[in-house]
PDB file of all heavy atoms in Angstrom:
ATOM      1  N   ARG A   1      14.702 -21.717   6.585  1.00  0.00           N
ATOM      2  CA  ARG A   1      14.885 -22.189   7.961  1.00  0.00           C
ATOM      3  C   ARG A   1      14.810 -21.028   8.955  1.00  0.00           C
ATOM      4  O   ARG A   1      14.092 -21.086   9.960  1.00  0.00           O
ATOM      5  CB  ARG A   1      16.252 -22.870   8.128  1.00  0.00           C
ATOM      6  CG  ARG A   1      16.378 -24.223   7.495  1.00  0.00           C
ATOM      7  CD  ARG A   1      17.726 -24.830   7.857  1.00  0.00           C
ATOM      8  NE  ARG A   1      18.177 -25.737   6.815  1.00  0.00           N
ATOM      9  CZ  ARG A   1      19.333 -26.394   6.864  1.00  0.00           C
ATOM     10  NH1 ARG A   1      20.139 -26.247   7.907  1.00  0.00           N
ATOM     11  NH2 ARG A   1      19.685 -27.198   5.880  1.00  0.00           N
ATOM     12  N   ILE A   2      15.579 -19.981   8.668  1.00  0.00           N
ATOM     13  CA  ILE A   2      15.615 -18.852   9.592  1.00  0.00           C
ATOM     14  C   ILE A   2      14.294 -18.095   9.573  1.00  0.00           C
ATOM     15  O   ILE A   2      13.784 -17.678  10.620  1.00  0.00           O
ATOM     16  CB  ILE A   2      16.805 -17.937   9.265  1.00  0.00           C
ATOM     17  CG1 ILE A   2      18.105 -18.683   9.559  1.00  0.00           C
ATOM     18  CG2 ILE A   2      16.730 -16.636  10.053  1.00  0.00           C
ATOM     19  CD1 ILE A   2      19.366 -17.914   9.209  1.00  0.00           C
ATOM     20  N   ALA A   3      13.710 -17.937   8.393  1.00  0.00           N
ATOM     21  CA  ALA A   3      12.410 -17.268   8.303  1.00  0.00           C
ATOM     22  C   ALA A   3      11.363 -18.028   9.108  1.00  0.00           C
ATOM     23  O   ALA A   3      10.532 -17.429   9.804  1.00  0.00           O
ATOM     24  CB  ALA A   3      11.978 -17.157   6.843  1.00  0.00           C
ATOM     25  N   HIS A   4      11.415 -19.356   9.040  1.00  0.00           N
ATOM     26  CA  HIS A   4      10.445 -20.170   9.773  1.00  0.00           C
ATOM     27  C   HIS A   4      10.638 -20.028  11.280  1.00  0.00           C
ATOM     28  O   HIS A   4       9.662 -19.909  12.039  1.00  0.00           O
ATOM     29  CB  HIS A   4      10.558 -21.634   9.362  1.00  0.00           C
ATOM     30  CG  HIS A   4       9.355 -22.459   9.698  1.00  0.00           C
ATOM     31  ND1 HIS A   4       9.129 -22.953  10.963  1.00  0.00           N
ATOM     32  CD2 HIS A   4       8.290 -22.842   8.939  1.00  0.00           C
ATOM     33  CE1 HIS A   4       7.986 -23.625  10.969  1.00  0.00           C
ATOM     34  NE2 HIS A   4       7.454 -23.572   9.754  1.00  0.00           N
ATOM     35  N   LEU A   5      11.875 -20.051  11.733  1.00  0.00           N
ATOM     36  CA  LEU A   5      12.153 -19.874  13.158  1.00  0.00           C
ATOM     37  C   LEU A   5      11.630 -18.522  13.647  1.00  0.00           C
ATOM     38  O   LEU A   5      11.028 -18.417  14.718  1.00  0.00           O
ATOM     39  CB  LEU A   5      13.654 -19.985  13.410  1.00  0.00           C
ATOM     40  CG  LEU A   5      14.099 -19.887  14.875  1.00  0.00           C
ATOM     41  CD1 LEU A   5      13.665 -21.121  15.664  1.00  0.00           C
ATOM     42  CD2 LEU A   5      15.616 -19.711  14.964  1.00  0.00           C
ATOM     43  N   LEU A   6      11.835 -17.475  12.838  1.00  0.00           N
ATOM     44  CA  LEU A   6      11.355 -16.139  13.210  1.00  0.00           C
ATOM     45  C   LEU A   6       9.832 -16.086  13.235  1.00  0.00           C
ATOM     46  O   LEU A   6       9.242 -15.472  14.129  1.00  0.00           O
ATOM     47  CB  LEU A   6      11.908 -15.100  12.229  1.00  0.00           C
ATOM     48  CG  LEU A   6      13.418 -14.866  12.272  1.00  0.00           C
ATOM     49  CD1 LEU A   6      13.838 -13.915  11.161  1.00  0.00           C
ATOM     50  CD2 LEU A   6      13.865 -14.326  13.626  1.00  0.00           C
ATOM     51  N   CYS A   7       9.191 -16.727  12.273  1.00  0.00           N
ATOM     52  CA  CYS A   7       7.719 -16.760  12.241  1.00  0.00           C
ATOM     53  C   CYS A   7       7.177 -17.452  13.490  1.00  0.00           C
ATOM     54  O   CYS A   7       6.235 -16.966  14.127  1.00  0.00           O
ATOM     55  CB  CYS A   7       7.223 -17.478  10.988  1.00  0.00           C
ATOM     56  SG  CYS A   7       7.379 -16.551   9.448  1.00  0.00           S
ATOM     57  N   GLU A   8       7.758 -18.591  13.828  1.00  0.00           N
ATOM     58  CA  GLU A   8       7.292 -19.318  15.007  1.00  0.00           C
ATOM     59  C   GLU A   8       7.485 -18.484  16.267  1.00  0.00           C
ATOM     60  O   GLU A   8       6.587 -18.402  17.122  1.00  0.00           O
ATOM     61  CB  GLU A   8       8.029 -20.649  15.149  1.00  0.00           C
ATOM     62  CG  GLU A   8       7.583 -21.438  16.380  1.00  0.00           C
ATOM     63  CD  GLU A   8       8.321 -22.752  16.558  1.00  0.00           C
ATOM     64  OE1 GLU A   8       8.361 -23.552  15.602  1.00  0.00           O
ATOM     65  OE2 GLU A   8       8.859 -22.970  17.670  1.00  0.00           O
ATOM     66  N   PHE A   9       8.644 -17.849  16.389  1.00  0.00           N
ATOM     67  CA  PHE A   9       8.914 -17.027  17.562  1.00  0.00           C
ATOM     68  C   PHE A   9       7.896 -15.890  17.670  1.00  0.00           C
ATOM     69  O   PHE A   9       7.384 -15.595  18.755  1.00  0.00           O
ATOM     70  CB  PHE A   9      10.336 -16.462  17.491  1.00  0.00           C
ATOM     71  CG  PHE A   9      10.681 -15.573  18.648  1.00  0.00           C
ATOM     72  CD1 PHE A   9      10.958 -16.112  19.892  1.00  0.00           C
ATOM     73  CD2 PHE A   9      10.710 -14.191  18.496  1.00  0.00           C
ATOM     74  CE1 PHE A   9      11.265 -15.293  20.975  1.00  0.00           C
ATOM     75  CE2 PHE A   9      11.018 -13.374  19.569  1.00  0.00           C
ATOM     76  CZ  PHE A   9      11.297 -13.916  20.807  1.00  0.00           C
ATOM     77  N   ALA A  10       7.567 -15.266  16.540  1.00  0.00           N
ATOM     78  CA  ALA A  10       6.612 -14.153  16.560  1.00  0.00           C
ATOM     79  C   ALA A  10       5.223 -14.617  16.978  1.00  0.00           C
ATOM     80  O   ALA A  10       4.566 -13.985  17.812  1.00  0.00           O
ATOM     81  CB  ALA A  10       6.552 -13.501  15.169  1.00  0.00           C
ATOM     82  N   VAL A  11       4.757 -15.728  16.427  1.00  0.00           N
ATOM     83  CA  VAL A  11       3.408 -16.210  16.734  1.00  0.00           C
ATOM     84  C   VAL A  11       3.304 -16.646  18.193  1.00  0.00           C
ATOM     85  O   VAL A  11       2.332 -16.329  18.882  1.00  0.00           O
ATOM     86  CB  VAL A  11       3.026 -17.363  15.781  1.00  0.00           C
ATOM     87  CG1 VAL A  11       1.748 -18.057  16.250  1.00  0.00           C
ATOM     88  CG2 VAL A  11       2.830 -16.827  14.360  1.00  0.00           C
ATOM     89  N   ARG A  12       4.310 -17.364  18.675  1.00  0.00           N
ATOM     90  CA  ARG A  12       4.268 -17.813  20.069  1.00  0.00           C
ATOM     91  C   ARG A  12       4.400 -16.635  21.033  1.00  0.00           C
ATOM     92  O   ARG A  12       3.785 -16.621  22.107  1.00  0.00           O
ATOM     93  CB  ARG A  12       5.370 -18.837  20.312  1.00  0.00           C
ATOM     94  CG  ARG A  12       5.132 -20.158  19.569  1.00  0.00           C
ATOM     95  CD  ARG A  12       6.315 -21.102  19.663  1.00  0.00           C
ATOM     96  NE  ARG A  12       6.480 -21.624  21.024  1.00  0.00           N
ATOM     97  CZ  ARG A  12       7.529 -22.361  21.395  1.00  0.00           C
ATOM     98  NH1 ARG A  12       8.499 -22.638  20.523  1.00  0.00           N
ATOM     99  NH2 ARG A  12       7.608 -22.810  22.629  1.00  0.00           N
ATOM    100  N   SER A  13       5.178 -15.620  20.660  1.00  0.00           N
ATOM    101  CA  SER A  13       5.288 -14.423  21.495  1.00  0.00           C
ATOM    102  C   SER A  13       3.983 -13.649  21.525  1.00  0.00           C
ATOM    103  O   SER A  13       3.554 -13.162  22.579  1.00  0.00           O
ATOM    104  CB  SER A  13       6.416 -13.521  20.978  1.00  0.00           C
ATOM    105  OG  SER A  13       7.673 -14.150  21.091  1.00  0.00           O
ATOM    106  N   ASP A  14       3.334 -13.534  20.360  1.00  0.00           N
ATOM    107  CA  ASP A  14       2.049 -12.833  20.306  1.00  0.00           C
ATOM    108  C   ASP A  14       1.010 -13.511  21.185  1.00  0.00           C
ATOM    109  O   ASP A  14       0.170 -12.852  21.799  1.00  0.00           O
ATOM    110  CB  ASP A  14       1.534 -12.758  18.860  1.00  0.00           C
ATOM    111  CG  ASP A  14       2.180 -11.630  18.076  1.00  0.00           C
ATOM    112  OD1 ASP A  14       2.910 -10.824  18.683  1.00  0.00           O
ATOM    113  OD2 ASP A  14       1.954 -11.549  16.853  1.00  0.00           O
ATOM    114  N   ALA A  15       1.051 -14.845  21.233  1.00  0.00           N
ATOM    115  CA  ALA A  15       0.092 -15.573  22.057  1.00  0.00           C
ATOM    116  C   ALA A  15       0.240 -15.221  23.533  1.00  0.00           C
ATOM    117  O   ALA A  15      -0.719 -15.307  24.307  1.00  0.00           O
ATOM    118  CB  ALA A  15       0.260 -17.077  21.860  1.00  0.00           C
ATOM    119  N   LEU A  16       1.446 -14.787  23.927  1.00  0.00           N
ATOM    120  CA  LEU A  16       1.697 -14.390  25.308  1.00  0.00           C
ATOM    121  C   LEU A  16       1.628 -12.881  25.512  1.00  0.00           C
ATOM    122  O   LEU A  16       1.736 -12.391  26.632  1.00  0.00           O
ATOM    123  CB  LEU A  16       3.086 -14.877  25.748  1.00  0.00           C
ATOM    124  CG  LEU A  16       3.268 -16.389  25.836  1.00  0.00           C
ATOM    125  CD1 LEU A  16       4.720 -16.719  26.149  1.00  0.00           C
ATOM    126  CD2 LEU A  16       2.353 -16.991  26.892  1.00  0.00           C
ATOM    127  N   GLY A  17       1.470 -12.139  24.401  1.00  0.00           N
ATOM    128  CA  GLY A  17       1.391 -10.689  24.502  1.00  0.00           C
ATOM    129  C   GLY A  17       2.709 -10.035  24.858  1.00  0.00           C
ATOM    130  O   GLY A  17       2.739  -9.020  25.562  1.00  0.00           O
ATOM    131  N   ILE A  18       3.823 -10.582  24.376  1.00  0.00           N
ATOM    132  CA  ILE A  18       5.128 -10.033  24.762  1.00  0.00           C
ATOM    133  C   ILE A  18       5.872  -9.398  23.598  1.00  0.00           C
ATOM    134  O   ILE A  18       7.093  -9.287  23.619  1.00  0.00           O
ATOM    135  CB  ILE A  18       6.011 -11.097  25.445  1.00  0.00           C
ATOM    136  CG1 ILE A  18       6.194 -12.354  24.566  1.00  0.00           C
ATOM    137  CG2 ILE A  18       5.461 -11.476  26.792  1.00  0.00           C
ATOM    138  CD1 ILE A  18       7.178 -13.350  25.152  1.00  0.00           C
ATOM    139  N   ASN A  19       5.170  -8.955  22.566  1.00  0.00           N
ATOM    140  CA  ASN A  19       5.841  -8.083  21.603  1.00  0.00           C
ATOM    141  C   ASN A  19       5.613  -6.644  22.058  1.00  0.00           C
ATOM    142  O   ASN A  19       4.668  -6.332  22.763  1.00  0.00           O
ATOM    143  CB  ASN A  19       5.331  -8.338  20.178  1.00  0.00           C
ATOM    144  CG  ASN A  19       3.960  -7.737  19.918  1.00  0.00           C
ATOM    145  OD1 ASN A  19       3.809  -6.528  19.784  1.00  0.00           O
ATOM    146  ND2 ASN A  19       2.941  -8.593  19.858  1.00  0.00           N
ATOM    147  N   HIS A  20       6.496  -5.762  21.676  1.00  0.00           N
ATOM    148  CA  HIS A  20       6.455  -4.378  22.132  1.00  0.00           C
ATOM    149  C   HIS A  20       6.090  -3.490  20.940  1.00  0.00           C
ATOM    150  O   HIS A  20       6.970  -2.980  20.244  1.00  0.00           O
ATOM    151  CB  HIS A  20       7.798  -3.972  22.733  1.00  0.00           C
ATOM    152  CG  HIS A  20       8.276  -4.905  23.808  1.00  0.00           C
ATOM    153  ND1 HIS A  20       7.965  -4.738  25.135  1.00  0.00           N
ATOM    154  CD2 HIS A  20       9.026  -6.034  23.747  1.00  0.00           C
ATOM    155  CE1 HIS A  20       8.515  -5.704  25.845  1.00  0.00           C
ATOM    156  NE2 HIS A  20       9.153  -6.513  25.029  1.00  0.00           N
ATOM    157  N   GLY A  21       4.792  -3.339  20.708  1.00  0.00           N
ATOM    158  CA  GLY A  21       4.358  -2.523  19.578  1.00  0.00           C
ATOM    159  C   GLY A  21       4.813  -3.074  18.252  1.00  0.00           C
ATOM    160  O   GLY A  21       5.175  -2.321  17.340  1.00  0.00           O
ATOM    161  N   GLY A  22       4.805  -4.400  18.134  1.00  0.00           N
ATOM    162  CA  GLY A  22       5.229  -5.031  16.884  1.00  0.00           C
ATOM    163  C   GLY A  22       6.723  -5.284  16.805  1.00  0.00           C
ATOM    164  O   GLY A  22       7.209  -5.801  15.803  1.00  0.00           O
ATOM    165  N   ILE A  23       7.468  -4.917  17.846  1.00  0.00           N
ATOM    166  CA  ILE A  23       8.910  -5.176  17.897  1.00  0.00           C
ATOM    167  C   ILE A  23       9.145  -6.388  18.810  1.00  0.00           C
ATOM    168  O   ILE A  23       8.689  -6.420  19.948  1.00  0.00           O
ATOM    169  CB  ILE A  23       9.692  -3.957  18.443  1.00  0.00           C
ATOM    170  CG1 ILE A  23       9.447  -2.735  17.546  1.00  0.00           C
ATOM    171  CG2 ILE A  23      11.186  -4.268  18.515  1.00  0.00           C
ATOM    172  CD1 ILE A  23      10.061  -1.459  18.090  1.00  0.00           C
ATOM    173  N   TYR A  24       9.852  -7.365  18.284  1.00  0.00           N
ATOM    174  CA  TYR A  24      10.120  -8.592  19.033  1.00  0.00           C
ATOM    175  C   TYR A  24      11.570  -8.587  19.487  1.00  0.00           C
ATOM    176  O   TYR A  24      12.484  -8.375  18.686  1.00  0.00           O
ATOM    177  CB  TYR A  24       9.847  -9.818  18.156  1.00  0.00           C
ATOM    178  CG  TYR A  24       8.420  -9.897  17.679  1.00  0.00           C
ATOM    179  CD1 TYR A  24       8.014  -9.209  16.539  1.00  0.00           C
ATOM    180  CD2 TYR A  24       7.474 -10.640  18.381  1.00  0.00           C
ATOM    181  CE1 TYR A  24       6.692  -9.261  16.112  1.00  0.00           C
ATOM    182  CE2 TYR A  24       6.165 -10.692  17.957  1.00  0.00           C
ATOM    183  CZ  TYR A  24       5.782 -10.010  16.828  1.00  0.00           C
ATOM    184  OH  TYR A  24       4.478 -10.058  16.412  1.00  0.00           O
ATOM    185  N   ASN A  25      11.770  -8.808  20.781  1.00  0.00           N
ATOM    186  CA  ASN A  25      13.116  -8.857  21.321  1.00  0.00           C
ATOM    187  C   ASN A  25      13.644 -10.278  21.197  1.00  0.00           C
ATOM    188  O   ASN A  25      13.379 -11.131  22.050  1.00  0.00           O
ATOM    189  CB  ASN A  25      13.115  -8.399  22.781  1.00  0.00           C
ATOM    190  CG  ASN A  25      14.516  -8.304  23.360  1.00  0.00           C
ATOM    191  OD1 ASN A  25      15.488  -8.166  22.624  1.00  0.00           O
ATOM    192  ND2 ASN A  25      14.629  -8.397  24.666  1.00  0.00           N
ATOM    193  N   LEU A  26      14.350 -10.543  20.139  1.00  0.00           N
ATOM    194  CA  LEU A  26      14.847 -11.891  19.860  1.00  0.00           C
ATOM    195  C   LEU A  26      15.925 -12.243  20.887  1.00  0.00           C
ATOM    196  O   LEU A  26      16.963 -11.573  20.956  1.00  0.00           O
ATOM    197  CB  LEU A  26      15.417 -11.956  18.442  1.00  0.00           C
ATOM    198  CG  LEU A  26      15.780 -13.328  17.901  1.00  0.00           C
ATOM    199  CD1 LEU A  26      14.543 -14.205  17.770  1.00  0.00           C
ATOM    200  CD2 LEU A  26      16.478 -13.205  16.547  1.00  0.00           C
ATOM    201  N   PRO A  27      15.712 -13.283  21.690  1.00  0.00           N
ATOM    202  CA  PRO A  27      16.639 -13.567  22.787  1.00  0.00           C
ATOM    203  C   PRO A  27      17.862 -14.366  22.382  1.00  0.00           C
ATOM    204  O   PRO A  27      18.688 -14.697  23.227  1.00  0.00           O
ATOM    205  CB  PRO A  27      15.764 -14.380  23.750  1.00  0.00           C
ATOM    206  CG  PRO A  27      14.826 -15.123  22.852  1.00  0.00           C
ATOM    207  CD  PRO A  27      14.541 -14.187  21.701  1.00  0.00           C
ATOM    208  N   MET A  28      18.009 -14.692  21.097  1.00  0.00           N
ATOM    209  CA  MET A  28      19.062 -15.600  20.657  1.00  0.00           C
ATOM    210  C   MET A  28      20.176 -14.853  19.939  1.00  0.00           C
ATOM    211  O   MET A  28      19.935 -13.942  19.148  1.00  0.00           O
ATOM    212  CB  MET A  28      18.482 -16.663  19.717  1.00  0.00           C
ATOM    213  CG  MET A  28      17.324 -17.446  20.301  1.00  0.00           C
ATOM    214  SD  MET A  28      16.546 -18.546  19.093  1.00  0.00           S
ATOM    215  CE  MET A  28      17.774 -19.848  18.964  1.00  0.00           C
ATOM    216  N   THR A  29      21.408 -15.271  20.198  1.00  0.00           N
ATOM    217  CA  THR A  29      22.534 -14.783  19.421  1.00  0.00           C
ATOM    218  C   THR A  29      22.521 -15.477  18.050  1.00  0.00           C
ATOM    219  O   THR A  29      21.811 -16.471  17.840  1.00  0.00           O
ATOM    220  CB  THR A  29      23.864 -15.097  20.118  1.00  0.00           C
ATOM    221  OG1 THR A  29      24.034 -16.526  20.172  1.00  0.00           O
ATOM    222  CG2 THR A  29      23.885 -14.521  21.535  1.00  0.00           C
ATOM    223  N   GLN A  30      23.340 -14.965  17.138  1.00  0.00           N
ATOM    224  CA  GLN A  30      23.418 -15.606  15.823  1.00  0.00           C
ATOM    225  C   GLN A  30      23.998 -17.010  15.933  1.00  0.00           C
ATOM    226  O   GLN A  30      23.598 -17.908  15.193  1.00  0.00           O
ATOM    227  CB  GLN A  30      24.238 -14.734  14.872  1.00  0.00           C
ATOM    228  CG  GLN A  30      23.521 -13.434  14.514  1.00  0.00           C
ATOM    229  CD  GLN A  30      24.271 -12.594  13.508  1.00  0.00           C
ATOM    230  OE1 GLN A  30      25.366 -12.941  13.055  1.00  0.00           O
ATOM    231  NE2 GLN A  30      23.681 -11.462  13.141  1.00  0.00           N
ATOM    232  N   GLU A  31      24.890 -17.226  16.880  1.00  0.00           N
ATOM    233  CA  GLU A  31      25.421 -18.579  17.100  1.00  0.00           C
ATOM    234  C   GLU A  31      24.310 -19.512  17.573  1.00  0.00           C
ATOM    235  O   GLU A  31      24.217 -20.664  17.107  1.00  0.00           O
ATOM    236  CB  GLU A  31      26.539 -18.546  18.140  1.00  0.00           C
ATOM    237  CG  GLU A  31      27.117 -19.926  18.436  1.00  0.00           C
ATOM    238  CD  GLU A  31      28.180 -19.905  19.530  1.00  0.00           C
ATOM    239  OE1 GLU A  31      28.415 -18.832  20.112  1.00  0.00           O
ATOM    240  OE2 GLU A  31      28.771 -20.973  19.799  1.00  0.00           O
ATOM    241  N   GLN A  32      23.461 -19.041  18.475  1.00  0.00           N
ATOM    242  CA  GLN A  32      22.362 -19.873  18.976  1.00  0.00           C
ATOM    243  C   GLN A  32      21.331 -20.139  17.883  1.00  0.00           C
ATOM    244  O   GLN A  32      20.795 -21.252  17.789  1.00  0.00           O
ATOM    245  CB  GLN A  32      21.716 -19.194  20.183  1.00  0.00           C
ATOM    246  CG  GLN A  32      22.604 -19.223  21.422  1.00  0.00           C
ATOM    247  CD  GLN A  32      22.145 -18.280  22.507  1.00  0.00           C
ATOM    248  OE1 GLN A  32      21.423 -17.312  22.257  1.00  0.00           O
ATOM    249  NE2 GLN A  32      22.561 -18.538  23.746  1.00  0.00           N
ATOM    250  N   ILE A  33      21.041 -19.133  17.070  1.00  0.00           N
ATOM    251  CA  ILE A  33      20.144 -19.367  15.929  1.00  0.00           C
ATOM    252  C   ILE A  33      20.739 -20.456  15.034  1.00  0.00           C
ATOM    253  O   ILE A  33      20.042 -21.379  14.598  1.00  0.00           O
ATOM    254  CB  ILE A  33      19.916 -18.069  15.129  1.00  0.00           C
ATOM    255  CG1 ILE A  33      19.109 -17.074  15.962  1.00  0.00           C
ATOM    256  CG2 ILE A  33      19.193 -18.366  13.813  1.00  0.00           C
ATOM    257  CD1 ILE A  33      18.995 -15.693  15.325  1.00  0.00           C
ATOM    258  N   GLY A  34      22.040 -20.355  14.778  1.00  0.00           N
ATOM    259  CA  GLY A  34      22.705 -21.359  13.954  1.00  0.00           C
ATOM    260  C   GLY A  34      22.604 -22.755  14.545  1.00  0.00           C
ATOM    261  O   GLY A  34      22.382 -23.732  13.824  1.00  0.00           O
ATOM    262  N   ASP A  35      22.751 -22.849  15.870  1.00  0.00           N
ATOM    263  CA  ASP A  35      22.646 -24.155  16.524  1.00  0.00           C
ATOM    264  C   ASP A  35      21.221 -24.700  16.493  1.00  0.00           C
ATOM    265  O   ASP A  35      21.017 -25.909  16.640  1.00  0.00           O
ATOM    266  CB  ASP A  35      23.117 -24.059  17.980  1.00  0.00           C
ATOM    267  CG  ASP A  35      24.630 -23.927  18.095  1.00  0.00           C
ATOM    268  OD1 ASP A  35      25.321 -24.104  17.077  1.00  0.00           O
ATOM    269  OD2 ASP A  35      25.114 -23.636  19.207  1.00  0.00           O
ATOM    270  N   ALA A  36      20.233 -23.830  16.323  1.00  0.00           N
ATOM    271  CA  ALA A  36      18.834 -24.279  16.221  1.00  0.00           C
ATOM    272  C   ALA A  36      18.482 -24.724  14.814  1.00  0.00           C
ATOM    273  O   ALA A  36      17.618 -25.590  14.630  1.00  0.00           O
ATOM    274  CB  ALA A  36      17.887 -23.171  16.673  1.00  0.00           C
ATOM    275  N   VAL A  37      19.129 -24.131  13.801  1.00  0.00           N
ATOM    276  CA  VAL A  37      18.743 -24.433  12.416  1.00  0.00           C
ATOM    277  C   VAL A  37      19.863 -25.127  11.635  1.00  0.00           C
ATOM    278  O   VAL A  37      19.748 -25.321  10.422  1.00  0.00           O
ATOM    279  CB  VAL A  37      18.293 -23.151  11.667  1.00  0.00           C
ATOM    280  CG1 VAL A  37      17.044 -22.567  12.311  1.00  0.00           C
ATOM    281  CG2 VAL A  37      19.406 -22.107  11.604  1.00  0.00           C
ATOM    282  N   GLY A  38      20.943 -25.512  12.304  1.00  0.00           N
ATOM    283  CA  GLY A  38      21.994 -26.280  11.642  1.00  0.00           C
ATOM    284  C   GLY A  38      22.850 -25.486  10.689  1.00  0.00           C
ATOM    285  O   GLY A  38      23.268 -26.005   9.648  1.00  0.00           O
ATOM    286  N   LEU A  39      23.150 -24.228  11.049  1.00  0.00           N
ATOM    287  CA  LEU A  39      23.978 -23.359  10.211  1.00  0.00           C
ATOM    288  C   LEU A  39      25.073 -22.726  11.059  1.00  0.00           C
ATOM    289  O   LEU A  39      24.945 -22.624  12.280  1.00  0.00           O
ATOM    290  CB  LEU A  39      23.130 -22.249   9.572  1.00  0.00           C
ATOM    291  CG  LEU A  39      21.982 -22.679   8.662  1.00  0.00           C
ATOM    292  CD1 LEU A  39      21.103 -21.474   8.323  1.00  0.00           C
ATOM    293  CD2 LEU A  39      22.505 -23.336   7.384  1.00  0.00           C
ATOM    294  N   THR A  40      26.142 -22.274  10.413  1.00  0.00           N
ATOM    295  CA  THR A  40      27.172 -21.548  11.138  1.00  0.00           C
ATOM    296  C   THR A  40      26.685 -20.137  11.437  1.00  0.00           C
ATOM    297  O   THR A  40      25.774 -19.613  10.786  1.00  0.00           O
ATOM    298  CB  THR A  40      28.469 -21.452  10.319  1.00  0.00           C
ATOM    299  OG1 THR A  40      28.232 -20.652   9.148  1.00  0.00           O
ATOM    300  CG2 THR A  40      28.960 -22.843   9.910  1.00  0.00           C
ATOM    301  N   ALA A  41      27.308 -19.496  12.425  1.00  0.00           N
ATOM    302  CA  ALA A  41      26.955 -18.120  12.758  1.00  0.00           C
ATOM    303  C   ALA A  41      27.197 -17.193  11.572  1.00  0.00           C
ATOM    304  O   ALA A  41      26.425 -16.243  11.339  1.00  0.00           O
ATOM    305  CB  ALA A  41      27.762 -17.654  13.972  1.00  0.00           C
TER     306      ALA A  41
END
């Protein structure tokens, strides 16, 4: 679940050109990631 969320975020970010030399600034806290994938922080 988490790997898939990260993959999607990377591909959609690349489409906009907003990775920084291959580094992605993940805008979500661990609690928010949990709320997206149905897991606790």
